[in-house]
PDB file of all heavy atoms in Angstrom:
ATOM      1  N   MET A   1       9.953 -52.402 115.059  1.00  0.00           N
ATOM      2  CA  MET A   1      10.550 -53.732 114.679  1.00  0.00           C
ATOM      3  C   MET A   1      11.757 -53.897 115.495  1.00  0.00           C
ATOM      4  O   MET A   1      11.932 -55.086 116.026  1.00  0.00           O
ATOM      5  CB  MET A   1      10.767 -53.849 113.195  1.00  0.00           C
ATOM      6  CG  MET A   1       9.454 -53.981 112.414  1.00  0.00           C
ATOM      7  SD  MET A   1       8.581 -55.713 112.754  1.00  0.00           S
ATOM      8  CE  MET A   1       7.464 -55.027 113.980  1.00  0.00           C
ATOM      9  N   GLU A   2      12.616 -53.003 115.588  1.00  0.00           N
ATOM     10  CA  GLU A   2      13.924 -53.227 116.250  1.00  0.00           C
ATOM     11  C   GLU A   2      13.520 -53.538 117.830  1.00  0.00           C
ATOM     12  O   GLU A   2      14.263 -54.296 118.529  1.00  0.00           O
ATOM     13  CB  GLU A   2      14.761 -51.885 116.131  1.00  0.00           C
ATOM     14  CG  GLU A   2      16.185 -52.219 116.664  1.00  0.00           C
ATOM     15  CD  GLU A   2      17.178 -51.124 116.288  1.00  0.00           C
ATOM     16  OE1 GLU A   2      16.819 -50.120 115.574  1.00  0.00           O
ATOM     17  OE2 GLU A   2      18.381 -51.355 116.357  1.00  0.00           O
ATOM     18  N   ASN A   3      12.559 -52.866 118.311  1.00  0.00           N
ATOM     19  CA  ASN A   3      12.170 -53.159 119.760  1.00  0.00           C
ATOM     20  C   ASN A   3      11.262 -54.309 120.032  1.00  0.00           C
ATOM     21  O   ASN A   3      11.086 -54.771 121.106  1.00  0.00           O
ATOM     22  CB  ASN A   3      11.442 -51.864 120.279  1.00  0.00           C
ATOM     23  CG  ASN A   3      12.261 -50.618 120.518  1.00  0.00           C
ATOM     24  OD1 ASN A   3      13.447 -50.753 120.900  1.00  0.00           O
ATOM     25  ND2 ASN A   3      11.887 -49.463 120.194  1.00  0.00           N
ATOM     26  N   THR A   4      10.739 -54.824 118.886  1.00  0.00           N
ATOM     27  CA  THR A   4       9.640 -55.859 119.122  1.00  0.00           C
ATOM     28  C   THR A   4      10.072 -57.255 118.578  1.00  0.00           C
ATOM     29  O   THR A   4       9.883 -58.178 119.171  1.00  0.00           O
ATOM     30  CB  THR A   4       8.394 -55.466 118.406  1.00  0.00           C
ATOM     31  OG1 THR A   4       7.967 -54.142 118.868  1.00  0.00           O
ATOM     32  CG2 THR A   4       7.307 -56.469 118.626  1.00  0.00           C
ATOM     33  N   ALA A   5      10.550 -57.214 117.415  1.00  0.00           N
ATOM     34  CA  ALA A   5      10.933 -58.498 116.611  1.00  0.00           C
ATOM     35  C   ALA A   5      12.243 -59.214 116.979  1.00  0.00           C
ATOM     36  O   ALA A   5      13.246 -58.461 117.487  1.00  0.00           O
ATOM     37  CB  ALA A   5      10.946 -58.294 115.083  1.00  0.00           C
ATOM     38  N   ASP A   6      12.074 -60.572 117.164  1.00  0.00           N
ATOM     39  CA  ASP A   6      13.424 -61.336 117.421  1.00  0.00           C
ATOM     40  C   ASP A   6      14.139 -61.691 116.035  1.00  0.00           C
ATOM     41  O   ASP A   6      15.274 -61.756 116.085  1.00  0.00           O
ATOM     42  CB  ASP A   6      13.032 -62.586 118.183  1.00  0.00           C
ATOM     43  CG  ASP A   6      12.279 -62.280 119.436  1.00  0.00           C
ATOM     44  OD1 ASP A   6      12.728 -61.640 120.293  1.00  0.00           O
ATOM     45  OD2 ASP A   6      10.965 -62.641 119.410  1.00  0.00           O
ATOM     46  N   HIS A   7      13.220 -61.867 115.054  1.00  0.00           N
ATOM     47  CA  HIS A   7      13.714 -62.445 113.877  1.00  0.00           C
ATOM     48  C   HIS A   7      13.002 -61.497 112.619  1.00  0.00           C
ATOM     49  O   HIS A   7      11.963 -61.041 112.800  1.00  0.00           O
ATOM     50  CB  HIS A   7      13.297 -63.875 113.609  1.00  0.00           C
ATOM     51  CG  HIS A   7      13.952 -64.678 112.580  1.00  0.00           C
ATOM     52  ND1 HIS A   7      15.103 -65.517 112.789  1.00  0.00           N
ATOM     53  CD2 HIS A   7      13.756 -64.811 111.167  1.00  0.00           C
ATOM     54  CE1 HIS A   7      15.588 -66.020 111.744  1.00  0.00           C
ATOM     55  NE2 HIS A   7      14.694 -65.608 110.706  1.00  0.00           N
ATOM     56  N   VAL A   8      13.668 -61.446 111.489  1.00  0.00           N
ATOM     57  CA  VAL A   8      13.122 -60.733 110.392  1.00  0.00           C
ATOM     58  C   VAL A   8      13.262 -61.512 109.196  1.00  0.00           C
ATOM     59  O   VAL A   8      14.156 -62.184 108.879  1.00  0.00           O
ATOM     60  CB  VAL A   8      13.838 -59.380 110.125  1.00  0.00           C
ATOM     61  CG1 VAL A   8      13.424 -58.368 111.277  1.00  0.00           C
ATOM     62  CG2 VAL A   8      15.281 -59.456 110.059  1.00  0.00           C
ATOM     63  N   ILE A   9      12.168 -61.349 108.444  1.00  0.00           N
ATOM     64  CA  ILE A   9      12.102 -61.750 106.867  1.00  0.00           C
ATOM     65  C   ILE A   9      12.076 -60.580 106.080  1.00  0.00           C
ATOM     66  O   ILE A   9      10.987 -59.747 106.289  1.00  0.00           O
ATOM     67  CB  ILE A   9      11.030 -62.682 106.660  1.00  0.00           C
ATOM     68  CG1 ILE A   9      11.250 -64.122 107.487  1.00  0.00           C
ATOM     69  CG2 ILE A   9      10.844 -63.022 105.247  1.00  0.00           C
ATOM     70  CD1 ILE A   9      10.074 -64.997 107.350  1.00  0.00           C
ATOM     71  N   VAL A  10      12.929 -60.316 105.231  1.00  0.00           N
ATOM     72  CA  VAL A  10      13.080 -58.919 104.426  1.00  0.00           C
ATOM     73  C   VAL A  10      12.884 -59.385 102.979  1.00  0.00           C
ATOM     74  O   VAL A  10      13.712 -60.327 102.550  1.00  0.00           O
ATOM     75  CB  VAL A  10      14.308 -58.218 104.726  1.00  0.00           C
ATOM     76  CG1 VAL A  10      14.284 -56.890 104.000  1.00  0.00           C
ATOM     77  CG2 VAL A  10      14.664 -58.019 106.200  1.00  0.00           C
ATOM     78  N   ILE A  11      11.991 -58.727 102.316  1.00  0.00           N
ATOM     79  CA  ILE A  11      11.874 -58.978 100.938  1.00  0.00           C
ATOM     80  C   ILE A  11      11.833 -57.762 100.052  1.00  0.00           C
ATOM     81  O   ILE A  11      11.564 -56.730 100.513  1.00  0.00           O
ATOM     82  CB  ILE A  11      10.455 -59.759 100.559  1.00  0.00           C
ATOM     83  CG1 ILE A  11       9.292 -58.926 100.870  1.00  0.00           C
ATOM     84  CG2 ILE A  11      10.413 -61.084 101.316  1.00  0.00           C
ATOM     85  CD1 ILE A  11       8.026 -59.545 100.498  1.00  0.00           C
ATOM     86  N   GLY A  12      12.207 -57.801  98.806  1.00  0.00           N
ATOM     87  CA  GLY A  12      12.181 -56.655  97.902  1.00  0.00           C
ATOM     88  C   GLY A  12      11.865 -57.200  96.522  1.00  0.00           C
ATOM     89  O   GLY A  12      12.453 -58.142  96.143  1.00  0.00           O
ATOM     90  N   ARG A  13      10.866 -56.542  95.798  1.00  0.00           N
ATOM     91  CA  ARG A  13      10.409 -56.917  94.520  1.00  0.00           C
ATOM     92  C   ARG A  13      10.076 -58.406  94.532  1.00  0.00           C
ATOM     93  O   ARG A  13      10.256 -59.108  93.520  1.00  0.00           O
ATOM     94  CB  ARG A  13      11.418 -56.560  93.520  1.00  0.00           C
ATOM     95  CG  ARG A  13      11.794 -55.156  93.326  1.00  0.00           C
ATOM     96  CD  ARG A  13      12.733 -54.868  92.140  1.00  0.00           C
ATOM     97  NE  ARG A  13      13.135 -53.434  92.074  1.00  0.00           N
ATOM     98  CZ  ARG A  13      12.549 -52.563  91.568  1.00  0.00           C
ATOM     99  NH1 ARG A  13      11.258 -52.830  90.909  1.00  0.00           N
ATOM    100  NH2 ARG A  13      12.863 -51.181  91.545  1.00  0.00           N
ATOM    101  N   GLY A  14       9.442 -58.794  95.644  1.00  0.00           N
ATOM    102  CA  GLY A  14       8.943 -60.067  95.731  1.00  0.00           C
ATOM    103  C   GLY A  14       9.925 -61.293  96.032  1.00  0.00           C
ATOM    104  O   GLY A  14       9.604 -62.368  96.155  1.00  0.00           O
ATOM    105  N   GLN A  15      11.237 -60.839  96.189  1.00  0.00           N
ATOM    106  CA  GLN A  15      12.216 -61.907  96.387  1.00  0.00           C
ATOM    107  C   GLN A  15      12.847 -61.728  97.781  1.00  0.00           C
ATOM    108  O   GLN A  15      12.837 -60.627  98.389  1.00  0.00           O
ATOM    109  CB  GLN A  15      13.310 -61.705  95.291  1.00  0.00           C
ATOM    110  CG  GLN A  15      12.987 -61.901  93.903  1.00  0.00           C
ATOM    111  CD  GLN A  15      14.130 -61.702  93.003  1.00  0.00           C
ATOM    112  OE1 GLN A  15      14.989 -60.965  93.155  1.00  0.00           O
ATOM    113  NE2 GLN A  15      13.960 -62.498  91.929  1.00  0.00           N
ATOM    114  N   LEU A  16      13.354 -62.774  98.384  1.00  0.00           N
ATOM    115  CA  LEU A  16      13.822 -62.884  99.645  1.00  0.00           C
ATOM    116  C   LEU A  16      15.181 -62.101  99.698  1.00  0.00           C
ATOM    117  O   LEU A  16      16.035 -62.449  98.904  1.00  0.00           O
ATOM    118  CB  LEU A  16      14.107 -64.312 100.154  1.00  0.00           C
ATOM    119  CG  LEU A  16      14.453 -64.481 101.605  1.00  0.00           C
ATOM    120  CD1 LEU A  16      13.374 -64.065 102.512  1.00  0.00           C
ATOM    121  CD2 LEU A  16      14.842 -65.964 101.735  1.00  0.00           C
ATOM    122  N   ILE A  17      15.396 -61.223 100.652  1.00  0.00           N
ATOM    123  CA  ILE A  17      16.618 -60.486 100.837  1.00  0.00           C
ATOM    124  C   ILE A  17      17.381 -61.041 102.039  1.00  0.00           C
ATOM    125  O   ILE A  17      18.575 -61.180 102.050  1.00  0.00           O
ATOM    126  CB  ILE A  17      16.568 -59.003 100.956  1.00  0.00           C
ATOM    127  CG1 ILE A  17      15.968 -58.482  99.660  1.00  0.00           C
ATOM    128  CG2 ILE A  17      17.642 -58.320 101.423  1.00  0.00           C
ATOM    129  CD1 ILE A  17      15.526 -56.900  99.672  1.00  0.00           C
ATOM    130  N   ALA A  18      16.575 -61.254 103.203  1.00  0.00           N
ATOM    131  CA  ALA A  18      17.252 -61.729 104.393  1.00  0.00           C
ATOM    132  C   ALA A  18      16.132 -62.531 105.283  1.00  0.00           C
ATOM    133  O   ALA A  18      14.977 -62.263 105.176  1.00  0.00           O
ATOM    134  CB  ALA A  18      17.715 -60.479 105.307  1.00  0.00           C
ATOM    135  N   ASP A  19      16.748 -63.650 106.003  1.00  0.00           N
ATOM    136  CA  ASP A  19      15.795 -64.411 106.949  1.00  0.00           C
ATOM    137  C   ASP A  19      16.877 -64.676 107.991  1.00  0.00           C
ATOM    138  O   ASP A  19      17.563 -65.632 107.951  1.00  0.00           O
ATOM    139  CB  ASP A  19      15.402 -65.580 106.114  1.00  0.00           C
ATOM    140  CG  ASP A  19      14.503 -66.589 106.955  1.00  0.00           C
ATOM    141  OD1 ASP A  19      14.326 -66.201 108.149  1.00  0.00           O
ATOM    142  OD2 ASP A  19      14.078 -67.438 106.416  1.00  0.00           O
ATOM    143  N   CYS A  20      16.800 -63.828 109.088  1.00  0.00           N
ATOM    144  CA  CYS A  20      17.859 -63.963 110.064  1.00  0.00           C
ATOM    145  C   CYS A  20      17.379 -63.259 111.355  1.00  0.00           C
ATOM    146  O   CYS A  20      16.188 -62.566 111.327  1.00  0.00           O
ATOM    147  CB  CYS A  20      19.112 -63.427 109.538  1.00  0.00           C
ATOM    148  SG  CYS A  20      18.978 -61.666 109.053  1.00  0.00           S
ATOM    149  N   THR A  21      18.090 -63.167 112.405  1.00  0.00           N
ATOM    150  CA  THR A  21      17.830 -62.577 113.487  1.00  0.00           C
ATOM    151  C   THR A  21      18.010 -60.951 113.292  1.00  0.00           C
ATOM    152  O   THR A  21      18.760 -60.566 112.286  1.00  0.00           O
ATOM    153  CB  THR A  21      18.718 -62.827 114.730  1.00  0.00           C
ATOM    154  OG1 THR A  21      20.095 -62.483 114.415  1.00  0.00           O
ATOM    155  CG2 THR A  21      18.543 -64.243 115.037  1.00  0.00           C
ATOM    156  N   ILE A  22      17.447 -60.051 114.161  1.00  0.00           N
ATOM    157  CA  ILE A  22      17.695 -58.682 113.881  1.00  0.00           C
ATOM    158  C   ILE A  22      19.157 -58.259 114.024  1.00  0.00           C
ATOM    159  O   ILE A  22      19.676 -57.520 113.178  1.00  0.00           O
ATOM    160  CB  ILE A  22      17.002 -57.897 115.122  1.00  0.00           C
ATOM    161  CG1 ILE A  22      15.461 -57.957 114.940  1.00  0.00           C
ATOM    162  CG2 ILE A  22      17.397 -56.445 115.194  1.00  0.00           C
ATOM    163  CD1 ILE A  22      14.808 -56.908 113.982  1.00  0.00           C
ATOM    164  N   ALA A  23      20.010 -58.880 114.831  1.00  0.00           N
ATOM    165  CA  ALA A  23      21.272 -58.599 115.102  1.00  0.00           C
ATOM    166  C   ALA A  23      22.118 -58.878 113.824  1.00  0.00           C
ATOM    167  O   ALA A  23      22.964 -58.248 113.483  1.00  0.00           O
ATOM    168  CB  ALA A  23      21.860 -59.341 116.269  1.00  0.00           C
ATOM    169  N   GLU A  24      21.770 -60.096 113.301  1.00  0.00           N
ATOM    170  CA  GLU A  24      22.452 -60.531 112.001  1.00  0.00           C
ATOM    171  C   GLU A  24      22.160 -59.567 110.939  1.00  0.00           C
ATOM    172  O   GLU A  24      23.129 -59.342 110.126  1.00  0.00           O
ATOM    173  CB  GLU A  24      22.146 -62.061 111.785  1.00  0.00           C
ATOM    174  CG  GLU A  24      22.594 -63.088 112.747  1.00  0.00           C
ATOM    175  CD  GLU A  24      21.923 -64.434 112.537  1.00  0.00           C
ATOM    176  OE1 GLU A  24      20.844 -64.559 111.931  1.00  0.00           O
ATOM    177  OE2 GLU A  24      22.625 -65.306 113.074  1.00  0.00           O
ATOM    178  N   PHE A  25      21.028 -59.192 110.781  1.00  0.00           N
ATOM    179  CA  PHE A  25      20.513 -58.348 109.684  1.00  0.00           C
ATOM    180  C   PHE A  25      21.377 -57.029 109.791  1.00  0.00           C
ATOM    181  O   PHE A  25      21.782 -56.454 108.737  1.00  0.00           O
ATOM    182  CB  PHE A  25      19.068 -58.101 109.743  1.00  0.00           C
ATOM    183  CG  PHE A  25      18.517 -57.262 108.523  1.00  0.00           C
ATOM    184  CD1 PHE A  25      18.601 -57.730 107.151  1.00  0.00           C
ATOM    185  CD2 PHE A  25      18.139 -55.876 108.765  1.00  0.00           C
ATOM    186  CE1 PHE A  25      18.253 -56.863 106.183  1.00  0.00           C
ATOM    187  CE2 PHE A  25      17.712 -55.252 107.732  1.00  0.00           C
ATOM    188  CZ  PHE A  25      17.735 -55.639 106.407  1.00  0.00           C
ATOM    189  N   ILE A  26      21.396 -56.526 110.954  1.00  0.00           N
ATOM    190  CA  ILE A  26      22.010 -55.114 111.168  1.00  0.00           C
ATOM    191  C   ILE A  26      23.557 -55.378 110.808  1.00  0.00           C
ATOM    192  O   ILE A  26      24.168 -54.494 110.266  1.00  0.00           O
ATOM    193  CB  ILE A  26      21.932 -54.609 112.585  1.00  0.00           C
ATOM    194  CG1 ILE A  26      20.346 -54.286 112.809  1.00  0.00           C
ATOM    195  CG2 ILE A  26      22.848 -53.561 112.951  1.00  0.00           C
ATOM    196  CD1 ILE A  26      20.023 -53.815 114.155  1.00  0.00           C
ATOM    197  N   ALA A  27      24.122 -56.453 111.228  1.00  0.00           N
ATOM    198  CA  ALA A  27      25.533 -56.706 111.151  1.00  0.00           C
ATOM    199  C   ALA A  27      25.933 -56.780 109.558  1.00  0.00           C
ATOM    200  O   ALA A  27      27.103 -56.621 109.237  1.00  0.00           O
ATOM    201  CB  ALA A  27      25.947 -58.067 111.819  1.00  0.00           C
ATOM    202  N   ARG A  28      24.902 -57.128 108.700  1.00  0.00           N
ATOM    203  CA  ARG A  28      25.229 -57.233 107.301  1.00  0.00           C
ATOM    204  C   ARG A  28      25.504 -55.828 106.679  1.00  0.00           C
ATOM    205  O   ARG A  28      26.156 -55.831 105.707  1.00  0.00           O
ATOM    206  CB  ARG A  28      24.023 -57.950 106.538  1.00  0.00           C
ATOM    207  CG  ARG A  28      23.897 -59.377 106.940  1.00  0.00           C
ATOM    208  CD  ARG A  28      22.788 -59.983 105.947  1.00  0.00           C
ATOM    209  NE  ARG A  28      22.557 -61.374 106.406  1.00  0.00           N
ATOM    210  CZ  ARG A  28      21.692 -62.148 105.725  1.00  0.00           C
ATOM    211  NH1 ARG A  28      21.022 -61.667 104.696  1.00  0.00           N
ATOM    212  NH2 ARG A  28      21.438 -63.361 106.121  1.00  0.00           N
ATOM    213  N   SER A  29      25.015 -54.799 107.248  1.00  0.00           N
ATOM    214  CA  SER A  29      25.183 -53.477 106.709  1.00  0.00           C
ATOM    215  C   SER A  29      26.562 -52.988 106.989  1.00  0.00           C
ATOM    216  O   SER A  29      27.341 -53.617 107.843  1.00  0.00           O
ATOM    217  CB  SER A  29      24.100 -52.544 107.232  1.00  0.00           C
ATOM    218  OG  SER A  29      24.518 -52.129 108.569  1.00  0.00           O
TER     219      SER A  29
END
């Protein structure tokens, strides 16, 4: 995914966790 995707939608237990670019998601950690 890191090599392929430009954008990610991340969910957990059916709820939205993130909807952003790969770089923005990594920067949140």
